[in-house]
């Protein structure tokens, strides 16, 4: 999960980034339309201090993309208004240990790039 919220529970073990500048609702209309195509593939690149990790996931016509604060990438096919993509090849605990350690630092800057391959 990526969230615009600045404070989250310490029990949240799936949170990759906080204080994001976008949620699923903030994505462009064109991006959302492309992501809702039946064959849409999404690459999510997470970069922090020279470390890069790529997650591959799928779009679906069932996406709602209206949540004002969150972006959730799921390994399952479950969809709600926070879901950006489904059937991902990684969850937050599948990210490298090095990257997860960097993401624990509240001052760590993170760049997340979304690329659609439709």
N, C-alpha and C. Protein backbone atom coordinates (compact mmCIF):
# COMPACT_ATOMS: atom_id res chain seq x y z
N UNK A 1 0.83 -1.17 0.00
CA UNK A 1 0.00 0.00 0.00
C UNK A 1 0.88 1.25 0.00
N UNK A 2 0.42 2.23 -0.72
CA UNK A 2 1.02 3.56 -0.76
C UNK A 2 -0.09 4.50 -0.35
N UNK A 3 0.19 5.43 0.54
CA UNK A 3 -0.87 6.29 1.04
C UNK A 3 -0.44 7.75 1.11
N UNK A 4 -1.41 8.62 0.95
CA UNK A 4 -1.16 10.05 1.12
C UNK A 4 -1.13 10.41 2.60
N UNK A 5 -1.65 9.53 3.45
CA UNK A 5 -1.63 9.77 4.89
C UNK A 5 -0.19 9.94 5.37
N UNK A 6 -0.01 10.78 6.37
CA UNK A 6 1.33 10.99 6.91
C UNK A 6 1.58 10.18 8.17
N UNK A 7 0.53 9.74 8.82
CA UNK A 7 0.66 8.92 10.03
C UNK A 7 -0.14 7.64 9.83
N UNK A 8 0.51 6.52 10.05
CA UNK A 8 -0.14 5.22 9.92
C UNK A 8 0.22 4.36 11.13
N UNK A 9 -0.54 3.32 11.34
CA UNK A 9 -0.30 2.41 12.45
C UNK A 9 1.03 1.69 12.28
N UNK A 10 1.75 1.51 13.37
CA UNK A 10 2.99 0.73 13.32
C UNK A 10 2.70 -0.74 13.03
N UNK A 11 1.43 -1.15 13.19
CA UNK A 11 1.04 -2.52 12.88
C UNK A 11 0.85 -2.75 11.38
N UNK A 12 0.84 -1.68 10.60
CA UNK A 12 0.64 -1.78 9.15
C UNK A 12 1.88 -2.37 8.49
N UNK A 13 1.85 -3.66 8.22
CA UNK A 13 3.04 -4.32 7.67
C UNK A 13 3.05 -4.37 6.15
N UNK A 14 2.04 -3.78 5.51
CA UNK A 14 2.00 -3.81 4.04
C UNK A 14 2.21 -2.41 3.45
N UNK A 15 2.55 -1.44 4.28
CA UNK A 15 2.70 -0.06 3.83
C UNK A 15 4.11 0.16 3.29
N UNK A 16 4.18 0.56 2.02
CA UNK A 16 5.47 0.78 1.37
C UNK A 16 5.88 2.24 1.48
N UNK A 17 4.90 3.16 1.37
CA UNK A 17 5.23 4.58 1.40
C UNK A 17 4.07 5.38 1.97
N UNK A 18 4.41 6.46 2.70
CA UNK A 18 3.42 7.39 3.24
C UNK A 18 3.70 8.79 2.68
N UNK A 19 2.77 9.68 2.89
CA UNK A 19 2.89 11.07 2.41
C UNK A 19 3.07 11.13 0.89
N UNK A 20 2.40 10.22 0.20
CA UNK A 20 2.46 10.20 -1.27
C UNK A 20 1.77 11.43 -1.84
N UNK A 21 2.11 11.79 -3.06
CA UNK A 21 1.46 12.95 -3.68
C UNK A 21 0.30 12.54 -4.59
N UNK A 22 0.03 11.23 -4.68
CA UNK A 22 -1.11 10.76 -5.48
C UNK A 22 -1.77 9.56 -4.82
N UNK A 23 -3.06 9.42 -5.13
CA UNK A 23 -3.81 8.22 -4.79
C UNK A 23 -4.38 7.68 -6.11
N UNK A 24 -5.12 6.59 -6.07
CA UNK A 24 -5.71 6.09 -7.32
C UNK A 24 -6.66 7.11 -7.93
N UNK A 25 -7.34 7.89 -7.10
CA UNK A 25 -8.27 8.90 -7.61
C UNK A 25 -7.55 10.01 -8.38
N UNK A 26 -6.29 10.25 -8.07
CA UNK A 26 -5.53 11.34 -8.68
C UNK A 26 -4.89 10.98 -10.02
N UNK A 27 -4.93 9.72 -10.39
CA UNK A 27 -4.32 9.30 -11.66
C UNK A 27 -5.13 9.86 -12.83
N UNK A 28 -4.46 10.09 -13.95
CA UNK A 28 -5.13 10.69 -15.09
C UNK A 28 -6.22 9.77 -15.65
N UNK A 29 -7.19 10.38 -16.30
CA UNK A 29 -8.28 9.63 -16.92
C UNK A 29 -7.73 8.64 -17.95
N UNK A 30 -6.77 9.09 -18.75
CA UNK A 30 -6.16 8.23 -19.77
C UNK A 30 -5.46 7.03 -19.14
N UNK A 31 -4.73 7.26 -18.06
CA UNK A 31 -4.03 6.17 -17.36
C UNK A 31 -5.05 5.15 -16.86
N UNK A 32 -6.12 5.63 -16.23
CA UNK A 32 -7.15 4.74 -15.70
C UNK A 32 -7.81 3.94 -16.81
N UNK A 33 -8.11 4.58 -17.92
CA UNK A 33 -8.74 3.88 -19.05
C UNK A 33 -7.84 2.78 -19.58
N UNK A 34 -6.55 3.06 -19.70
CA UNK A 34 -5.60 2.05 -20.18
C UNK A 34 -5.45 0.91 -19.18
N UNK A 35 -5.48 1.22 -17.89
CA UNK A 35 -5.34 0.21 -16.86
C UNK A 35 -6.56 -0.72 -16.81
N UNK A 36 -7.70 -0.22 -17.25
CA UNK A 36 -8.93 -1.01 -17.23
C UNK A 36 -9.09 -1.89 -18.48
N UNK A 37 -8.14 -1.84 -19.39
CA UNK A 37 -8.20 -2.72 -20.56
C UNK A 37 -7.94 -4.15 -20.11
N UNK A 38 -8.64 -5.11 -20.72
CA UNK A 38 -8.51 -6.51 -20.27
C UNK A 38 -7.09 -7.07 -20.30
N UNK A 39 -6.25 -6.59 -21.20
CA UNK A 39 -4.88 -7.13 -21.32
C UNK A 39 -3.83 -6.22 -20.70
N UNK A 40 -4.25 -5.24 -19.91
CA UNK A 40 -3.30 -4.27 -19.35
C UNK A 40 -2.33 -4.92 -18.37
N UNK A 41 -1.06 -4.59 -18.53
CA UNK A 41 -0.01 -5.02 -17.61
C UNK A 41 0.62 -3.77 -17.03
N UNK A 42 0.92 -3.81 -15.75
CA UNK A 42 1.48 -2.66 -15.05
C UNK A 42 2.80 -3.04 -14.42
N UNK A 43 3.80 -2.17 -14.61
CA UNK A 43 5.08 -2.30 -13.90
C UNK A 43 5.13 -1.19 -12.88
N UNK A 44 5.44 -1.55 -11.65
CA UNK A 44 5.57 -0.58 -10.56
C UNK A 44 7.02 -0.61 -10.13
N UNK A 45 7.73 0.49 -10.34
CA UNK A 45 9.13 0.57 -9.94
C UNK A 45 9.21 1.37 -8.65
N UNK A 46 9.82 0.78 -7.64
CA UNK A 46 10.02 1.44 -6.35
C UNK A 46 11.51 1.71 -6.22
N UNK A 47 11.85 2.99 -6.07
CA UNK A 47 13.26 3.39 -5.99
C UNK A 47 13.52 4.17 -4.71
N UNK A 48 14.58 3.79 -4.02
CA UNK A 48 14.99 4.49 -2.79
C UNK A 48 16.50 4.39 -2.66
N UNK A 49 17.16 5.53 -2.66
CA UNK A 49 18.61 5.59 -2.45
C UNK A 49 19.39 4.60 -3.30
N UNK A 50 19.14 4.58 -4.59
CA UNK A 50 19.89 3.72 -5.50
C UNK A 50 19.40 2.30 -5.60
N UNK A 51 18.46 1.91 -4.77
CA UNK A 51 17.87 0.58 -4.87
C UNK A 51 16.58 0.68 -5.69
N UNK A 52 16.41 -0.23 -6.63
CA UNK A 52 15.21 -0.28 -7.45
C UNK A 52 14.63 -1.67 -7.39
N UNK A 53 13.32 -1.73 -7.31
CA UNK A 53 12.64 -3.02 -7.36
C UNK A 53 11.41 -2.85 -8.24
N UNK A 54 11.14 -3.86 -9.07
CA UNK A 54 10.01 -3.79 -9.98
C UNK A 54 8.99 -4.86 -9.62
N UNK A 55 7.73 -4.43 -9.56
CA UNK A 55 6.61 -5.34 -9.33
C UNK A 55 5.80 -5.37 -10.62
N UNK A 56 5.41 -6.55 -11.05
CA UNK A 56 4.56 -6.71 -12.22
C UNK A 56 3.17 -7.10 -11.76
N UNK A 57 2.16 -6.47 -12.36
CA UNK A 57 0.77 -6.74 -11.98
C UNK A 57 -0.13 -6.54 -13.19
N UNK A 58 -1.40 -6.82 -13.02
CA UNK A 58 -2.36 -6.70 -14.11
C UNK A 58 -3.45 -5.69 -13.78
N UNK A 59 -3.92 -5.04 -14.82
CA UNK A 59 -5.11 -4.23 -14.71
C UNK A 59 -6.32 -5.12 -14.94
N UNK A 60 -7.51 -4.55 -14.84
CA UNK A 60 -8.74 -5.28 -15.08
C UNK A 60 -9.87 -4.28 -15.32
N UNK A 61 -10.84 -4.63 -16.13
CA UNK A 61 -11.99 -3.74 -16.33
C UNK A 61 -12.78 -3.49 -15.05
N UNK A 62 -12.57 -4.32 -14.02
CA UNK A 62 -13.31 -4.19 -12.76
C UNK A 62 -12.76 -3.11 -11.82
N UNK A 63 -11.65 -2.49 -12.16
CA UNK A 63 -11.05 -1.48 -11.28
C UNK A 63 -12.00 -0.30 -11.07
N UNK A 64 -12.02 0.23 -9.85
CA UNK A 64 -12.88 1.35 -9.47
C UNK A 64 -12.08 2.66 -9.44
N UNK A 65 -10.89 2.63 -8.82
CA UNK A 65 -9.91 3.72 -8.85
C UNK A 65 -10.45 5.06 -8.35
N UNK A 66 -11.13 5.05 -7.21
CA UNK A 66 -11.71 6.29 -6.69
C UNK A 66 -11.22 6.69 -5.30
N UNK A 67 -10.41 5.87 -4.65
CA UNK A 67 -10.01 6.19 -3.29
C UNK A 67 -9.15 7.45 -3.25
N UNK A 68 -9.48 8.41 -2.37
CA UNK A 68 -8.77 9.68 -2.33
C UNK A 68 -7.42 9.67 -1.61
N UNK A 69 -7.07 8.57 -0.95
CA UNK A 69 -5.82 8.57 -0.19
C UNK A 69 -4.86 7.43 -0.51
N UNK A 70 -5.35 6.30 -1.01
CA UNK A 70 -4.52 5.10 -1.09
C UNK A 70 -4.34 4.54 -2.50
N UNK A 71 -3.26 3.76 -2.62
CA UNK A 71 -2.97 2.93 -3.80
C UNK A 71 -2.61 1.55 -3.25
N UNK A 72 -3.32 0.53 -3.70
CA UNK A 72 -3.04 -0.83 -3.25
C UNK A 72 -2.79 -1.72 -4.46
N UNK A 73 -1.68 -2.44 -4.42
CA UNK A 73 -1.35 -3.42 -5.44
C UNK A 73 -1.53 -4.77 -4.78
N UNK A 74 -2.31 -5.65 -5.40
CA UNK A 74 -2.68 -6.91 -4.76
C UNK A 74 -2.13 -8.13 -5.49
N UNK A 75 -1.74 -9.15 -4.73
CA UNK A 75 -1.39 -10.43 -5.33
C UNK A 75 -2.65 -11.20 -5.72
N UNK A 76 -3.72 -10.94 -5.04
CA UNK A 76 -5.00 -11.61 -5.31
C UNK A 76 -5.73 -10.88 -6.44
N UNK A 77 -6.94 -11.32 -6.73
CA UNK A 77 -7.76 -10.66 -7.74
C UNK A 77 -8.86 -9.79 -7.11
N UNK A 78 -8.77 -9.57 -5.79
CA UNK A 78 -9.75 -8.74 -5.09
C UNK A 78 -9.65 -7.29 -5.57
N UNK A 79 -10.80 -6.66 -5.78
CA UNK A 79 -10.84 -5.27 -6.21
C UNK A 79 -11.75 -4.47 -5.29
N UNK A 80 -11.26 -3.32 -4.83
CA UNK A 80 -12.08 -2.33 -4.13
C UNK A 80 -11.65 -0.96 -4.66
N UNK A 81 -12.17 0.11 -4.09
CA UNK A 81 -11.86 1.45 -4.63
C UNK A 81 -10.40 1.87 -4.43
N UNK A 82 -9.64 1.15 -3.62
CA UNK A 82 -8.21 1.45 -3.39
C UNK A 82 -7.29 0.68 -4.31
N UNK A 83 -7.82 -0.34 -5.00
CA UNK A 83 -7.00 -1.25 -5.80
C UNK A 83 -6.51 -0.59 -7.07
N UNK A 84 -5.19 -0.63 -7.28
CA UNK A 84 -4.57 -0.14 -8.51
C UNK A 84 -4.38 -1.28 -9.50
N UNK A 85 -3.97 -2.45 -9.01
CA UNK A 85 -3.69 -3.57 -9.88
C UNK A 85 -3.83 -4.87 -9.09
N UNK A 86 -3.99 -5.96 -9.83
CA UNK A 86 -4.20 -7.28 -9.22
C UNK A 86 -3.16 -8.26 -9.75
N UNK A 87 -3.15 -9.44 -9.16
CA UNK A 87 -2.27 -10.55 -9.61
C UNK A 87 -0.80 -10.13 -9.67
N UNK A 88 -0.37 -9.38 -8.68
CA UNK A 88 1.02 -8.92 -8.63
C UNK A 88 1.96 -10.08 -8.34
N UNK A 89 3.18 -9.95 -8.81
CA UNK A 89 4.17 -11.00 -8.56
C UNK A 89 4.89 -10.83 -7.21
N UNK A 90 4.61 -9.70 -6.52
CA UNK A 90 5.23 -9.46 -5.21
C UNK A 90 4.27 -8.71 -4.30
N UNK A 91 4.37 -9.00 -3.02
CA UNK A 91 3.72 -8.21 -1.97
C UNK A 91 4.83 -7.43 -1.26
N UNK A 92 4.47 -6.59 -0.33
CA UNK A 92 5.48 -5.78 0.36
C UNK A 92 6.54 -6.65 1.04
N UNK A 93 6.13 -7.79 1.59
CA UNK A 93 7.12 -8.65 2.27
C UNK A 93 7.99 -9.43 1.29
N UNK A 94 7.69 -9.35 -0.02
CA UNK A 94 8.53 -9.99 -1.03
C UNK A 94 9.62 -9.05 -1.56
N UNK A 95 9.55 -7.77 -1.18
CA UNK A 95 10.59 -6.83 -1.58
C UNK A 95 11.90 -7.20 -0.91
N UNK A 96 13.00 -6.81 -1.49
CA UNK A 96 14.30 -7.17 -0.92
C UNK A 96 14.43 -6.62 0.51
N UNK A 97 15.19 -7.32 1.30
CA UNK A 97 15.40 -6.91 2.70
C UNK A 97 16.02 -5.52 2.75
N UNK A 98 16.99 -5.26 1.84
CA UNK A 98 17.65 -3.95 1.80
C UNK A 98 16.63 -2.83 1.57
N UNK A 99 15.75 -3.02 0.61
CA UNK A 99 14.75 -1.99 0.31
C UNK A 99 13.78 -1.84 1.48
N UNK A 100 13.33 -2.93 2.04
CA UNK A 100 12.41 -2.85 3.18
C UNK A 100 13.03 -2.09 4.35
N UNK A 101 14.33 -2.30 4.59
CA UNK A 101 15.01 -1.58 5.67
C UNK A 101 15.03 -0.07 5.39
N UNK A 102 15.32 0.30 4.15
CA UNK A 102 15.32 1.72 3.79
C UNK A 102 13.93 2.33 3.97
N UNK A 103 12.89 1.59 3.59
CA UNK A 103 11.52 2.10 3.66
C UNK A 103 11.04 2.27 5.11
N UNK A 104 11.70 1.64 6.06
CA UNK A 104 11.35 1.80 7.47
C UNK A 104 11.75 3.18 8.02
N UNK A 105 12.69 3.83 7.34
CA UNK A 105 13.16 5.15 7.77
C UNK A 105 12.11 6.19 7.41
N UNK A 106 11.53 6.88 8.39
CA UNK A 106 10.47 7.85 8.09
C UNK A 106 10.93 9.04 7.24
N UNK A 107 12.23 9.26 7.13
CA UNK A 107 12.74 10.37 6.32
C UNK A 107 13.16 9.94 4.91
N UNK A 108 13.03 8.64 4.64
CA UNK A 108 13.45 8.10 3.33
C UNK A 108 12.54 8.61 2.21
N UNK A 109 13.14 9.18 1.18
CA UNK A 109 12.41 9.58 -0.01
C UNK A 109 12.28 8.35 -0.91
N UNK A 110 11.10 8.19 -1.49
CA UNK A 110 10.82 7.05 -2.36
C UNK A 110 10.21 7.56 -3.65
N UNK A 111 10.66 7.01 -4.77
CA UNK A 111 10.06 7.36 -6.07
C UNK A 111 9.38 6.10 -6.59
N UNK A 112 8.09 6.23 -6.91
CA UNK A 112 7.33 5.11 -7.44
C UNK A 112 6.86 5.47 -8.83
N UNK A 113 7.23 4.65 -9.79
CA UNK A 113 6.89 4.91 -11.20
C UNK A 113 5.96 3.82 -11.69
N UNK A 114 4.84 4.24 -12.29
CA UNK A 114 3.85 3.32 -12.82
C UNK A 114 3.92 3.35 -14.35
N UNK A 115 4.10 2.18 -14.95
CA UNK A 115 4.20 2.08 -16.40
C UNK A 115 3.23 1.04 -16.91
N UNK A 116 2.31 1.45 -17.80
CA UNK A 116 1.34 0.51 -18.37
C UNK A 116 1.89 -0.05 -19.67
N UNK A 117 1.74 -1.36 -19.81
CA UNK A 117 2.09 -2.04 -21.05
C UNK A 117 0.81 -2.65 -21.59
N UNK A 118 0.01 -1.84 -22.29
CA UNK A 118 -1.28 -2.32 -22.79
C UNK A 118 -1.16 -2.80 -24.22
